[in-house]
Amino acid sequence: AREVGADVIIMTKSSKDDMLNNIGSTAEYVINNAPCDVTIISE
Protein backbone atom coordinates (compact mmCIF):
# COMPACT_ATOMS: atom_id res chain seq x y z
CA ALA A 1 0.00 0.00 0.00
CA ARG A 2 2.87 2.38 0.80
CA GLU A 3 4.85 1.43 -2.31
CA VAL A 4 2.00 2.00 -4.76
CA GLY A 5 0.43 4.96 -2.94
CA ALA A 6 -2.92 3.23 -2.46
CA ASP A 7 -5.91 5.39 -1.58
CA VAL A 8 -7.82 2.48 -0.07
CA ILE A 9 -7.39 -1.24 0.64
CA ILE A 10 -10.51 -3.32 0.02
CA MET A 11 -10.62 -6.86 1.39
CA THR A 12 -12.82 -9.46 3.04
CA LYS A 13 -12.63 -9.94 6.79
CA SER A 14 -10.97 -13.30 6.22
CA SER A 15 -10.37 -15.55 3.25
CA LYS A 16 -10.24 -18.64 5.48
CA ASP A 17 -13.29 -20.88 5.57
CA ASP A 18 -12.98 -21.54 9.31
CA MET A 19 -13.26 -17.82 10.14
CA LEU A 20 -16.98 -17.56 9.60
CA ASN A 21 -17.83 -14.74 11.99
CA ASN A 22 -14.53 -13.14 12.95
CA ILE A 23 -12.06 -10.72 11.42
CA GLY A 24 -8.91 -12.69 10.67
CA SER A 25 -5.42 -11.80 11.86
CA THR A 26 -4.41 -10.46 8.45
CA ALA A 27 -7.36 -8.07 8.19
CA GLU A 28 -6.81 -6.96 11.79
CA TYR A 29 -3.14 -6.21 11.10
CA VAL A 30 -3.99 -4.28 7.93
CA ILE A 31 -6.64 -2.20 9.70
CA ASN A 32 -4.17 -1.26 12.45
CA ASN A 33 -1.14 -0.59 10.24
CA ALA A 34 -2.32 0.52 6.80
CA PRO A 35 -1.20 3.97 5.55
CA CYS A 36 -4.62 4.52 3.96
CA ASP A 37 -8.31 3.76 4.45
CA VAL A 38 -9.32 0.11 4.72
CA THR A 39 -12.72 -1.20 3.65
CA ILE A 40 -13.86 -4.62 4.89
CA ILE A 41 -16.71 -5.73 2.67
CA SER A 42 -19.85 -7.41 3.94
CA GLU A 43 -20.36 -11.02 2.92
PDB file of all heavy atoms in Angstrom:
ATOM      1  N   ALA A   1       0.835  -1.205   0.000  1.00  0.00           N
ATOM      2  CA  ALA A   1       0.000   0.000   0.000  1.00  0.00           C
ATOM      3  C   ALA A   1       0.867   1.252   0.000  1.00  0.00           C
ATOM      4  O   ALA A   1       0.566   2.241  -0.685  1.00  0.00           O
ATOM      5  CB  ALA A   1      -0.941  -0.011   1.199  1.00  0.00           C
ATOM      6  N   ARG A   2       1.958   1.232   0.773  1.00  0.00           N
ATOM      7  CA  ARG A   2       2.868   2.376   0.796  1.00  0.00           C
ATOM      8  C   ARG A   2       3.611   2.519  -0.534  1.00  0.00           C
ATOM      9  O   ARG A   2       3.786   3.623  -1.063  1.00  0.00           O
ATOM     10  CB  ARG A   2       3.869   2.216   1.933  1.00  0.00           C
ATOM     11  CG  ARG A   2       3.246   2.287   3.331  1.00  0.00           C
ATOM     12  CD  ARG A   2       4.310   2.266   4.412  1.00  0.00           C
ATOM     13  NE  ARG A   2       3.698   2.297   5.741  1.00  0.00           N
ATOM     14  CZ  ARG A   2       3.402   1.202   6.438  1.00  0.00           C
ATOM     15  NH1 ARG A   2       3.673   0.017   5.934  1.00  0.00           N
ATOM     16  NH2 ARG A   2       2.832   1.310   7.626  1.00  0.00           N
ATOM     17  N   GLU A   3       4.047   1.399  -1.078  1.00  0.00           N
ATOM     18  CA  GLU A   3       4.848   1.431  -2.309  1.00  0.00           C
ATOM     19  C   GLU A   3       4.063   1.965  -3.498  1.00  0.00           C
ATOM     20  O   GLU A   3       4.599   2.713  -4.319  1.00  0.00           O
ATOM     21  CB  GLU A   3       5.368   0.017  -2.626  1.00  0.00           C
ATOM     22  CG  GLU A   3       6.418  -0.486  -1.647  1.00  0.00           C
ATOM     23  CD  GLU A   3       6.784  -1.941  -1.867  1.00  0.00           C
ATOM     24  OE1 GLU A   3       6.086  -2.630  -2.644  1.00  0.00           O
ATOM     25  OE2 GLU A   3       7.763  -2.395  -1.255  1.00  0.00           O
ATOM     26  N   VAL A   4       2.786   1.587  -3.598  1.00  0.00           N
ATOM     27  CA  VAL A   4       1.999   2.003  -4.763  1.00  0.00           C
ATOM     28  C   VAL A   4       1.212   3.271  -4.514  1.00  0.00           C
ATOM     29  O   VAL A   4       0.577   3.812  -5.426  1.00  0.00           O
ATOM     30  CB  VAL A   4       1.036   0.881  -5.209  1.00  0.00           C
ATOM     31  CG1 VAL A   4       1.793  -0.405  -5.485  1.00  0.00           C
ATOM     32  CG2 VAL A   4      -0.070   0.635  -4.172  1.00  0.00           C
ATOM     33  N   GLY A   5       1.204   3.769  -3.260  1.00  0.00           N
ATOM     34  CA  GLY A   5       0.427   4.956  -2.944  1.00  0.00           C
ATOM     35  C   GLY A   5      -1.064   4.709  -3.003  1.00  0.00           C
ATOM     36  O   GLY A   5      -1.831   5.515  -3.549  1.00  0.00           O
ATOM     37  N   ALA A   6      -1.504   3.594  -2.421  1.00  0.00           N
ATOM     38  CA  ALA A   6      -2.924   3.226  -2.459  1.00  0.00           C
ATOM     39  C   ALA A   6      -3.783   4.234  -1.702  1.00  0.00           C
ATOM     40  O   ALA A   6      -3.393   4.731  -0.643  1.00  0.00           O
ATOM     41  CB  ALA A   6      -3.126   1.833  -1.877  1.00  0.00           C
ATOM     42  N   ASP A   7      -4.940   4.536  -2.243  1.00  0.00           N
ATOM     43  CA  ASP A   7      -5.913   5.391  -1.576  1.00  0.00           C
ATOM     44  C   ASP A   7      -6.776   4.599  -0.605  1.00  0.00           C
ATOM     45  O   ASP A   7      -7.270   5.134   0.390  1.00  0.00           O
ATOM     46  CB  ASP A   7      -6.817   6.079  -2.603  1.00  0.00           C
ATOM     47  CG  ASP A   7      -6.036   6.997  -3.519  1.00  0.00           C
ATOM     48  OD1 ASP A   7      -5.391   7.927  -3.012  1.00  0.00           O
ATOM     49  OD2 ASP A   7      -6.068   6.773  -4.748  1.00  0.00           O
ATOM     50  N   VAL A   8      -6.986   3.324  -0.920  1.00  0.00           N
ATOM     51  CA  VAL A   8      -7.819   2.476  -0.072  1.00  0.00           C
ATOM     52  C   VAL A   8      -7.443   1.023  -0.315  1.00  0.00           C
ATOM     53  O   VAL A   8      -7.067   0.635  -1.424  1.00  0.00           O
ATOM     54  CB  VAL A   8      -9.327   2.704  -0.353  1.00  0.00           C
ATOM     55  CG1 VAL A   8      -9.683   2.350  -1.783  1.00  0.00           C
ATOM     56  CG2 VAL A   8     -10.204   1.914   0.623  1.00  0.00           C
ATOM     57  N   ILE A   9      -7.530   0.214   0.737  1.00  0.00           N
ATOM     58  CA  ILE A   9      -7.390  -1.238   0.639  1.00  0.00           C
ATOM     59  C   ILE A   9      -8.773  -1.832   0.833  1.00  0.00           C
ATOM     60  O   ILE A   9      -9.457  -1.506   1.805  1.00  0.00           O
ATOM     61  CB  ILE A   9      -6.436  -1.793   1.709  1.00  0.00           C
ATOM     62  CG1 ILE A   9      -5.043  -1.175   1.566  1.00  0.00           C
ATOM     63  CG2 ILE A   9      -6.353  -3.318   1.625  1.00  0.00           C
ATOM     64  CD1 ILE A   9      -4.120  -1.489   2.732  1.00  0.00           C
ATOM     65  N   ILE A  10      -9.194  -2.689  -0.082  1.00  0.00           N
ATOM     66  CA  ILE A  10     -10.510  -3.320   0.025  1.00  0.00           C
ATOM     67  C   ILE A  10     -10.308  -4.826   0.106  1.00  0.00           C
ATOM     68  O   ILE A  10      -9.691  -5.428  -0.776  1.00  0.00           O
ATOM     69  CB  ILE A  10     -11.409  -2.944  -1.166  1.00  0.00           C
ATOM     70  CG1 ILE A  10     -11.665  -1.428  -1.180  1.00  0.00           C
ATOM     71  CG2 ILE A  10     -12.741  -3.703  -1.091  1.00  0.00           C
ATOM     72  CD1 ILE A  10     -12.526  -0.955  -2.322  1.00  0.00           C
ATOM     73  N   MET A  11     -10.844  -5.434   1.166  1.00  0.00           N
ATOM     74  CA  MET A  11     -10.621  -6.863   1.386  1.00  0.00           C
ATOM     75  C   MET A  11     -11.770  -7.456   2.187  1.00  0.00           C
ATOM     76  O   MET A  11     -12.562  -6.730   2.794  1.00  0.00           O
ATOM     77  CB  MET A  11      -9.295  -7.091   2.125  1.00  0.00           C
ATOM     78  CG  MET A  11      -9.218  -6.413   3.484  1.00  0.00           C
ATOM     79  SD  MET A  11      -7.542  -6.367   4.196  1.00  0.00           S
ATOM     80  CE  MET A  11      -7.158  -8.108   4.313  1.00  0.00           C
ATOM     81  N   THR A  12     -11.858  -8.766   2.189  1.00  0.00           N
ATOM     82  CA  THR A  12     -12.821  -9.458   3.040  1.00  0.00           C
ATOM     83  C   THR A  12     -12.236  -9.597   4.440  1.00  0.00           C
ATOM     84  O   THR A  12     -11.027  -9.482   4.640  1.00  0.00           O
ATOM     85  CB  THR A  12     -13.160 -10.842   2.477  1.00  0.00           C
ATOM     86  OG1 THR A  12     -11.933 -11.545   2.205  1.00  0.00           O
ATOM     87  CG2 THR A  12     -13.956 -10.728   1.195  1.00  0.00           C
ATOM     88  N   LYS A  13     -13.112  -9.861   5.405  1.00  0.00           N
ATOM     89  CA  LYS A  13     -12.631  -9.941   6.787  1.00  0.00           C
ATOM     90  C   LYS A  13     -11.707 -11.125   7.007  1.00  0.00           C
ATOM     91  O   LYS A  13     -10.837 -11.106   7.870  1.00  0.00           O
ATOM     92  CB  LYS A  13     -13.809 -10.004   7.761  1.00  0.00           C
ATOM     93  CG  LYS A  13     -14.734 -11.204   7.571  1.00  0.00           C
ATOM     94  CD  LYS A  13     -15.945 -11.091   8.479  1.00  0.00           C
ATOM     95  CE  LYS A  13     -16.908 -12.247   8.254  1.00  0.00           C
ATOM     96  NZ  LYS A  13     -18.115 -12.117   9.088  1.00  0.00           N
ATOM     97  N   SER A  14     -11.881 -12.161   6.197  1.00  0.00           N
ATOM     98  CA  SER A  14     -10.970 -13.303   6.224  1.00  0.00           C
ATOM     99  C   SER A  14     -11.238 -14.129   4.977  1.00  0.00           C
ATOM    100  O   SER A  14     -12.380 -14.268   4.547  1.00  0.00           O
ATOM    101  CB  SER A  14     -11.187 -14.169   7.467  1.00  0.00           C
ATOM    102  OG  SER A  14     -10.400 -15.342   7.393  1.00  0.00           O
ATOM    103  N   SER A  15     -10.178 -14.659   4.389  1.00  0.00           N
ATOM    104  CA  SER A  15     -10.371 -15.552   3.247  1.00  0.00           C
ATOM    105  C   SER A  15     -10.495 -16.997   3.694  1.00  0.00           C
ATOM    106  O   SER A  15     -10.804 -17.875   2.903  1.00  0.00           O
ATOM    107  CB  SER A  15      -9.186 -15.423   2.277  1.00  0.00           C
ATOM    108  OG  SER A  15      -7.995 -15.874   2.901  1.00  0.00           O
ATOM    109  N   LYS A  16     -10.259 -17.261   4.972  1.00  0.00           N
ATOM    110  CA  LYS A  16     -10.243 -18.635   5.478  1.00  0.00           C
ATOM    111  C   LYS A  16     -11.657 -19.098   5.805  1.00  0.00           C
ATOM    112  O   LYS A  16     -12.441 -18.384   6.410  1.00  0.00           O
ATOM    113  CB  LYS A  16      -9.348 -18.747   6.714  1.00  0.00           C
ATOM    114  CG  LYS A  16      -7.888 -18.393   6.417  1.00  0.00           C
ATOM    115  CD  LYS A  16      -7.026 -18.634   7.625  1.00  0.00           C
ATOM    116  CE  LYS A  16      -5.580 -18.203   7.352  1.00  0.00           C
ATOM    117  NZ  LYS A  16      -4.994 -18.932   6.232  1.00  0.00           N
ATOM    118  N   ASP A  17     -11.942 -20.350   5.417  1.00  0.00           N
ATOM    119  CA  ASP A  17     -13.288 -20.881   5.570  1.00  0.00           C
ATOM    120  C   ASP A  17     -13.654 -21.157   7.023  1.00  0.00           C
ATOM    121  O   ASP A  17     -14.825 -21.285   7.353  1.00  0.00           O
ATOM    122  CB  ASP A  17     -13.424 -22.177   4.768  1.00  0.00           C
ATOM    123  CG  ASP A  17     -13.213 -21.939   3.287  1.00  0.00           C
ATOM    124  OD1 ASP A  17     -13.642 -20.886   2.781  1.00  0.00           O
ATOM    125  OD2 ASP A  17     -12.598 -22.802   2.631  1.00  0.00           O
ATOM    126  N   ASP A  18     -12.653 -21.274   7.914  1.00  0.00           N
ATOM    127  CA  ASP A  18     -12.981 -21.536   9.308  1.00  0.00           C
ATOM    128  C   ASP A  18     -13.094 -20.261  10.130  1.00  0.00           C
ATOM    129  O   ASP A  18     -13.200 -20.290  11.348  1.00  0.00           O
ATOM    130  CB  ASP A  18     -11.949 -22.478   9.942  1.00  0.00           C
ATOM    131  CG  ASP A  18     -10.533 -21.923   9.857  1.00  0.00           C
ATOM    132  OD1 ASP A  18     -10.333 -20.902   9.175  1.00  0.00           O
ATOM    133  OD2 ASP A  18      -9.633 -22.534  10.473  1.00  0.00           O
ATOM    134  N   MET A  19     -13.064 -19.104   9.455  1.00  0.00           N
ATOM    135  CA  MET A  19     -13.257 -17.823  10.139  1.00  0.00           C
ATOM    136  C   MET A  19     -14.596 -17.248   9.697  1.00  0.00           C
ATOM    137  O   MET A  19     -14.672 -16.262   8.961  1.00  0.00           O
ATOM    138  CB  MET A  19     -12.120 -16.864   9.800  1.00  0.00           C
ATOM    139  CG  MET A  19     -10.754 -17.311  10.287  1.00  0.00           C
ATOM    140  SD  MET A  19     -10.587 -17.208  12.072  1.00  0.00           S
ATOM    141  CE  MET A  19     -10.541 -15.437  12.289  1.00  0.00           C
ATOM    142  N   LEU A  20     -15.677 -17.890  10.134  1.00  0.00           N
ATOM    143  CA  LEU A  20     -16.983 -17.559   9.599  1.00  0.00           C
ATOM    144  C   LEU A  20     -17.535 -16.241  10.133  1.00  0.00           C
ATOM    145  O   LEU A  20     -18.236 -15.518   9.441  1.00  0.00           O
ATOM    146  CB  LEU A  20     -17.966 -18.694   9.923  1.00  0.00           C
ATOM    147  CG  LEU A  20     -17.651 -20.023   9.228  1.00  0.00           C
ATOM    148  CD1 LEU A  20     -18.587 -21.099   9.744  1.00  0.00           C
ATOM    149  CD2 LEU A  20     -17.759 -19.894   7.730  1.00  0.00           C
ATOM    150  N   ASN A  21     -17.234 -15.932  11.379  1.00  0.00           N
ATOM    151  CA  ASN A  21     -17.830 -14.742  11.993  1.00  0.00           C
ATOM    152  C   ASN A  21     -16.819 -13.702  12.452  1.00  0.00           C
ATOM    153  O   ASN A  21     -17.208 -12.642  12.933  1.00  0.00           O
ATOM    154  CB  ASN A  21     -18.681 -15.153  13.211  1.00  0.00           C
ATOM    155  CG  ASN A  21     -20.011 -15.724  12.786  1.00  0.00           C
ATOM    156  OD1 ASN A  21     -20.669 -15.190  11.915  1.00  0.00           O
ATOM    157  ND2 ASN A  21     -20.390 -16.828  13.381  1.00  0.00           N
ATOM    158  N   ASN A  22     -15.538 -14.002  12.351  1.00  0.00           N
ATOM    159  CA  ASN A  22     -14.529 -13.139  12.945  1.00  0.00           C
ATOM    160  C   ASN A  22     -13.651 -12.478  11.892  1.00  0.00           C
ATOM    161  O   ASN A  22     -13.473 -12.994  10.789  1.00  0.00           O
ATOM    162  CB  ASN A  22     -13.642 -13.964  13.887  1.00  0.00           C
ATOM    163  CG  ASN A  22     -14.438 -14.647  14.967  1.00  0.00           C
ATOM    164  OD1 ASN A  22     -15.271 -14.030  15.601  1.00  0.00           O
ATOM    165  ND2 ASN A  22     -14.171 -15.931  15.173  1.00  0.00           N
ATOM    166  N   ILE A  23     -13.084 -11.342  12.251  1.00  0.00           N
ATOM    167  CA  ILE A  23     -12.061 -10.722  11.424  1.00  0.00           C
ATOM    168  C   ILE A  23     -10.765 -11.484  11.642  1.00  0.00           C
ATOM    169  O   ILE A  23     -10.321 -11.682  12.776  1.00  0.00           O
ATOM    170  CB  ILE A  23     -11.889  -9.233  11.781  1.00  0.00           C
ATOM    171  CG1 ILE A  23     -13.133  -8.446  11.348  1.00  0.00           C
ATOM    172  CG2 ILE A  23     -10.648  -8.646  11.130  1.00  0.00           C
ATOM    173  CD1 ILE A  23     -13.056  -6.972  11.617  1.00  0.00           C
ATOM    174  N   GLY A  24     -10.137 -11.912  10.574  1.00  0.00           N
ATOM    175  CA  GLY A  24      -8.912 -12.686  10.665  1.00  0.00           C
ATOM    176  C   GLY A  24      -7.723 -11.833  11.073  1.00  0.00           C
ATOM    177  O   GLY A  24      -7.773 -10.599  11.080  1.00  0.00           O
ATOM    178  N   SER A  25      -6.618 -12.508  11.392  1.00  0.00           N
ATOM    179  CA  SER A  25      -5.424 -11.805  11.864  1.00  0.00           C
ATOM    180  C   SER A  25      -4.841 -10.892  10.790  1.00  0.00           C
ATOM    181  O   SER A  25      -4.314  -9.815  11.106  1.00  0.00           O
ATOM    182  CB  SER A  25      -4.373 -12.819  12.320  1.00  0.00           C
ATOM    183  OG  SER A  25      -4.031 -13.709  11.267  1.00  0.00           O
ATOM    184  N   THR A  26      -4.946 -11.299   9.516  1.00  0.00           N
ATOM    185  CA  THR A  26      -4.409 -10.456   8.445  1.00  0.00           C
ATOM    186  C   THR A  26      -5.202  -9.161   8.326  1.00  0.00           C
ATOM    187  O   THR A  26      -4.630  -8.067   8.269  1.00  0.00           O
ATOM    188  CB  THR A  26      -4.422 -11.205   7.102  1.00  0.00           C
ATOM    189  OG1 THR A  26      -3.559 -12.347   7.181  1.00  0.00           O
ATOM    190  CG2 THR A  26      -3.946 -10.295   5.975  1.00  0.00           C
ATOM    191  N   ALA A  27      -6.527  -9.274   8.293  1.00  0.00           N
ATOM    192  CA  ALA A  27      -7.361  -8.073   8.192  1.00  0.00           C
ATOM    193  C   ALA A  27      -7.151  -7.167   9.398  1.00  0.00           C
ATOM    194  O   ALA A  27      -7.086  -5.937   9.266  1.00  0.00           O
ATOM    195  CB  ALA A  27      -8.829  -8.463   8.057  1.00  0.00           C
ATOM    196  N   GLU A  28      -7.027  -7.763  10.582  1.00  0.00           N
ATOM    197  CA  GLU A  28      -6.812  -6.959  11.789  1.00  0.00           C
ATOM    198  C   GLU A  28      -5.489  -6.199  11.704  1.00  0.00           C
ATOM    199  O   GLU A  28      -5.412  -5.008  12.050  1.00  0.00           O
ATOM    200  CB  GLU A  28      -6.829  -7.857  13.021  1.00  0.00           C
ATOM    201  CG  GLU A  28      -6.696  -7.101  14.326  1.00  0.00           C
ATOM    202  CD  GLU A  28      -6.796  -8.017  15.540  1.00  0.00           C
ATOM    203  OE1 GLU A  28      -6.870  -9.249  15.350  1.00  0.00           O
ATOM    204  OE2 GLU A  28      -6.776  -7.502  16.670  1.00  0.00           O
ATOM    205  N   TYR A  29      -4.447  -6.876  11.229  1.00  0.00           N
ATOM    206  CA  TYR A  29      -3.142  -6.214  11.099  1.00  0.00           C
ATOM    207  C   TYR A  29      -3.227  -5.068  10.102  1.00  0.00           C
ATOM    208  O   TYR A  29      -2.703  -3.971  10.349  1.00  0.00           O
ATOM    209  CB  TYR A  29      -2.084  -7.224  10.651  1.00  0.00           C
ATOM    210  CG  TYR A  29      -0.701  -6.621  10.541  1.00  0.00           C
ATOM    211  CD1 TYR A  29       0.194  -6.678  11.607  1.00  0.00           C
ATOM    212  CD2 TYR A  29      -0.290  -5.971   9.374  1.00  0.00           C
ATOM    213  CE1 TYR A  29       1.458  -6.112  11.514  1.00  0.00           C
ATOM    214  CE2 TYR A  29       0.965  -5.390   9.276  1.00  0.00           C
ATOM    215  CZ  TYR A  29       1.840  -5.472  10.343  1.00  0.00           C
ATOM    216  OH  TYR A  29       3.084  -4.894  10.251  1.00  0.00           O
ATOM    217  N   VAL A  30      -3.882  -5.311   8.963  1.00  0.00           N
ATOM    218  CA  VAL A  30      -3.988  -4.282   7.929  1.00  0.00           C
ATOM    219  C   VAL A  30      -4.750  -3.071   8.452  1.00  0.00           C
ATOM    220  O   VAL A  30      -4.347  -1.923   8.242  1.00  0.00           O
ATOM    221  CB  VAL A  30      -4.658  -4.853   6.663  1.00  0.00           C
ATOM    222  CG1 VAL A  30      -4.960  -3.744   5.654  1.00  0.00           C
ATOM    223  CG2 VAL A  30      -3.763  -5.910   6.020  1.00  0.00           C
ATOM    224  N   ILE A  31      -5.848  -3.307   9.154  1.00  0.00           N
ATOM    225  CA  ILE A  31      -6.638  -2.204   9.704  1.00  0.00           C
ATOM    226  C   ILE A  31      -5.792  -1.334  10.640  1.00  0.00           C
ATOM    227  O   ILE A  31      -5.862  -0.106  10.614  1.00  0.00           O
ATOM    228  CB  ILE A  31      -7.878  -2.748  10.450  1.00  0.00           C
ATOM    229  CG1 ILE A  31      -8.871  -3.353   9.452  1.00  0.00           C
ATOM    230  CG2 ILE A  31      -8.557  -1.651  11.265  1.00  0.00           C
ATOM    231  CD1 ILE A  31      -9.999  -4.133  10.102  1.00  0.00           C
ATOM    232  N   ASN A  32      -4.956  -1.985  11.447  1.00  0.00           N
ATOM    233  CA  ASN A  32      -4.172  -1.259  12.451  1.00  0.00           C
ATOM    234  C   ASN A  32      -2.905  -0.614  11.899  1.00  0.00           C
ATOM    235  O   ASN A  32      -2.348   0.287  12.548  1.00  0.00           O
ATOM    236  CB  ASN A  32      -3.802  -2.202  13.603  1.00  0.00           C
ATOM    237  CG  ASN A  32      -5.001  -2.623  14.425  1.00  0.00           C
ATOM    238  OD1 ASN A  32      -5.952  -1.869  14.578  1.00  0.00           O
ATOM    239  ND2 ASN A  32      -4.965  -3.832  14.954  1.00  0.00           N
ATOM    240  N   ASN A  33      -2.438  -1.052  10.724  1.00  0.00           N
ATOM    241  CA  ASN A  33      -1.141  -0.588  10.241  1.00  0.00           C
ATOM    242  C   ASN A  33      -1.148   0.015   8.842  1.00  0.00           C
ATOM    243  O   ASN A  33      -0.104   0.485   8.380  1.00  0.00           O
ATOM    244  CB  ASN A  33      -0.141  -1.753  10.268  1.00  0.00           C
ATOM    245  CG  ASN A  33       0.145  -2.257  11.669  1.00  0.00           C
ATOM    246  OD1 ASN A  33       0.970  -1.713  12.383  1.00  0.00           O
ATOM    247  ND2 ASN A  33      -0.550  -3.317  12.062  1.00  0.00           N
ATOM    248  N   ALA A  34      -2.281   0.018   8.177  1.00  0.00           N
ATOM    249  CA  ALA A  34      -2.319   0.522   6.804  1.00  0.00           C
ATOM    250  C   ALA A  34      -2.088   2.034   6.759  1.00  0.00           C
ATOM    251  O   ALA A  34      -2.553   2.760   7.648  1.00  0.00           O
ATOM    252  CB  ALA A  34      -3.652   0.188   6.160  1.00  0.00           C
ATOM    253  N   PRO A  35      -1.418   2.527   5.707  1.00  0.00           N
ATOM    254  CA  PRO A  35      -1.199   3.965   5.555  1.00  0.00           C
ATOM    255  C   PRO A  35      -2.365   4.675   4.880  1.00  0.00           C
ATOM    256  O   PRO A  35      -2.272   5.860   4.563  1.00  0.00           O
ATOM    257  CB  PRO A  35       0.042   4.012   4.661  1.00  0.00           C
ATOM    258  CG  PRO A  35      -0.100   2.799   3.796  1.00  0.00           C
ATOM    259  CD  PRO A  35      -0.718   1.740   4.670  1.00  0.00           C
ATOM    260  N   CYS A  36      -3.459   3.953   4.658  1.00  0.00           N
ATOM    261  CA  CYS A  36      -4.616   4.523   3.956  1.00  0.00           C
ATOM    262  C   CYS A  36      -5.887   3.932   4.549  1.00  0.00           C
ATOM    263  O   CYS A  36      -5.846   3.113   5.475  1.00  0.00           O
ATOM    264  CB  CYS A  36      -4.528   4.216   2.454  1.00  0.00           C
ATOM    265  SG  CYS A  36      -4.463   2.446   2.086  1.00  0.00           S
ATOM    266  N   ASP A  37      -7.041   4.328   4.007  1.00  0.00           N
ATOM    267  CA  ASP A  37      -8.312   3.761   4.451  1.00  0.00           C
ATOM    268  C   ASP A  37      -8.381   2.269   4.123  1.00  0.00           C
ATOM    269  O   ASP A  37      -7.795   1.803   3.134  1.00  0.00           O
ATOM    270  CB  ASP A  37      -9.481   4.478   3.772  1.00  0.00           C
ATOM    271  CG  ASP A  37      -9.631   5.912   4.227  1.00  0.00           C
ATOM    272  OD1 ASP A  37      -9.142   6.228   5.325  1.00  0.00           O
ATOM    273  OD2 ASP A  37     -10.235   6.708   3.481  1.00  0.00           O
ATOM    274  N   VAL A  38      -9.105   1.542   4.946  1.00  0.00           N
ATOM    275  CA  VAL A  38      -9.319   0.107   4.725  1.00  0.00           C
ATOM    276  C   VAL A  38     -10.816  -0.163   4.741  1.00  0.00           C
ATOM    277  O   VAL A  38     -11.516   0.237   5.676  1.00  0.00           O
ATOM    278  CB  VAL A  38      -8.631  -0.747   5.799  1.00  0.00           C
ATOM    279  CG1 VAL A  38      -8.886  -2.236   5.545  1.00  0.00           C
ATOM    280  CG2 VAL A  38      -7.134  -0.463   5.842  1.00  0.00           C
ATOM    281  N   THR A  39     -11.317  -0.821   3.716  1.00  0.00           N
ATOM    282  CA  THR A  39     -12.722  -1.204   3.647  1.00  0.00           C
ATOM    283  C   THR A  39     -12.839  -2.715   3.742  1.00  0.00           C
ATOM    284  O   THR A  39     -12.246  -3.441   2.934  1.00  0.00           O
ATOM    285  CB  THR A  39     -13.365  -0.720   2.335  1.00  0.00           C
ATOM    286  OG1 THR A  39     -13.313   0.706   2.267  1.00  0.00           O
ATOM    287  CG2 THR A  39     -14.826  -1.174   2.242  1.00  0.00           C
ATOM    288  N   ILE A  40     -13.581  -3.192   4.737  1.00  0.00           N
ATOM    289  CA  ILE A  40     -13.865  -4.617   4.886  1.00  0.00           C
ATOM    290  C   ILE A  40     -15.274  -4.837   4.357  1.00  0.00           C
ATOM    291  O   ILE A  40     -16.234  -4.295   4.894  1.00  0.00           O
ATOM    292  CB  ILE A  40     -13.776  -5.059   6.355  1.00  0.00           C
ATOM    293  CG1 ILE A  40     -12.406  -4.711   6.941  1.00  0.00           C
ATOM    294  CG2 ILE A  40     -14.048  -6.554   6.464  1.00  0.00           C
ATOM    295  CD1 ILE A  40     -11.256  -5.403   6.283  1.00  0.00           C
ATOM    296  N   ILE A  41     -15.407  -5.608   3.305  1.00  0.00           N
ATOM    297  CA  ILE A  41     -16.713  -5.733   2.667  1.00  0.00           C
ATOM    298  C   ILE A  41     -17.584  -6.734   3.412  1.00  0.00           C
ATOM    299  O   ILE A  41     -17.095  -7.677   4.033  1.00  0.00           O
ATOM    300  CB  ILE A  41     -16.607  -6.127   1.186  1.00  0.00           C
ATOM    301  CG1 ILE A  41     -16.067  -7.551   1.027  1.00  0.00           C
ATOM    302  CG2 ILE A  41     -15.737  -5.143   0.427  1.00  0.00           C
ATOM    303  CD1 ILE A  41     -16.282  -8.108  -0.351  1.00  0.00           C
ATOM    304  N   SER A  42     -18.880  -6.512   3.341  1.00  0.00           N
ATOM    305  CA  SER A  42     -19.849  -7.410   3.943  1.00  0.00           C
ATOM    306  C   SER A  42     -20.056  -8.611   3.052  1.00  0.00           C
ATOM    307  O   SER A  42     -20.157  -8.497   1.835  1.00  0.00           O
ATOM    308  CB  SER A  42     -21.188  -6.684   4.150  1.00  0.00           C
ATOM    309  OG  SER A  42     -22.182  -7.587   4.564  1.00  0.00           O
ATOM    310  N   GLU A  43     -20.119  -9.790   3.677  1.00  0.00           N
ATOM    311  CA  GLU A  43     -20.358 -11.020   2.921  1.00  0.00           C
ATOM    312  C   GLU A  43     -21.724 -11.609   3.237  1.00  0.00           C
ATOM    313  O   GLU A  43     -22.035 -12.718   2.829  1.00  0.00           O
ATOM    314  CB  GLU A  43     -19.282 -12.046   3.254  1.00  0.00           C
ATOM    315  CG  GLU A  43     -17.874 -11.558   2.978  1.00  0.00           C
ATOM    316  CD  GLU A  43     -16.852 -12.509   3.557  1.00  0.00           C
ATOM    317  OE1 GLU A  43     -16.792 -13.649   3.071  1.00  0.00           O
ATOM    318  OE2 GLU A  43     -16.130 -12.125   4.473  1.00  0.00           O
TER     319      GLU A  43
END
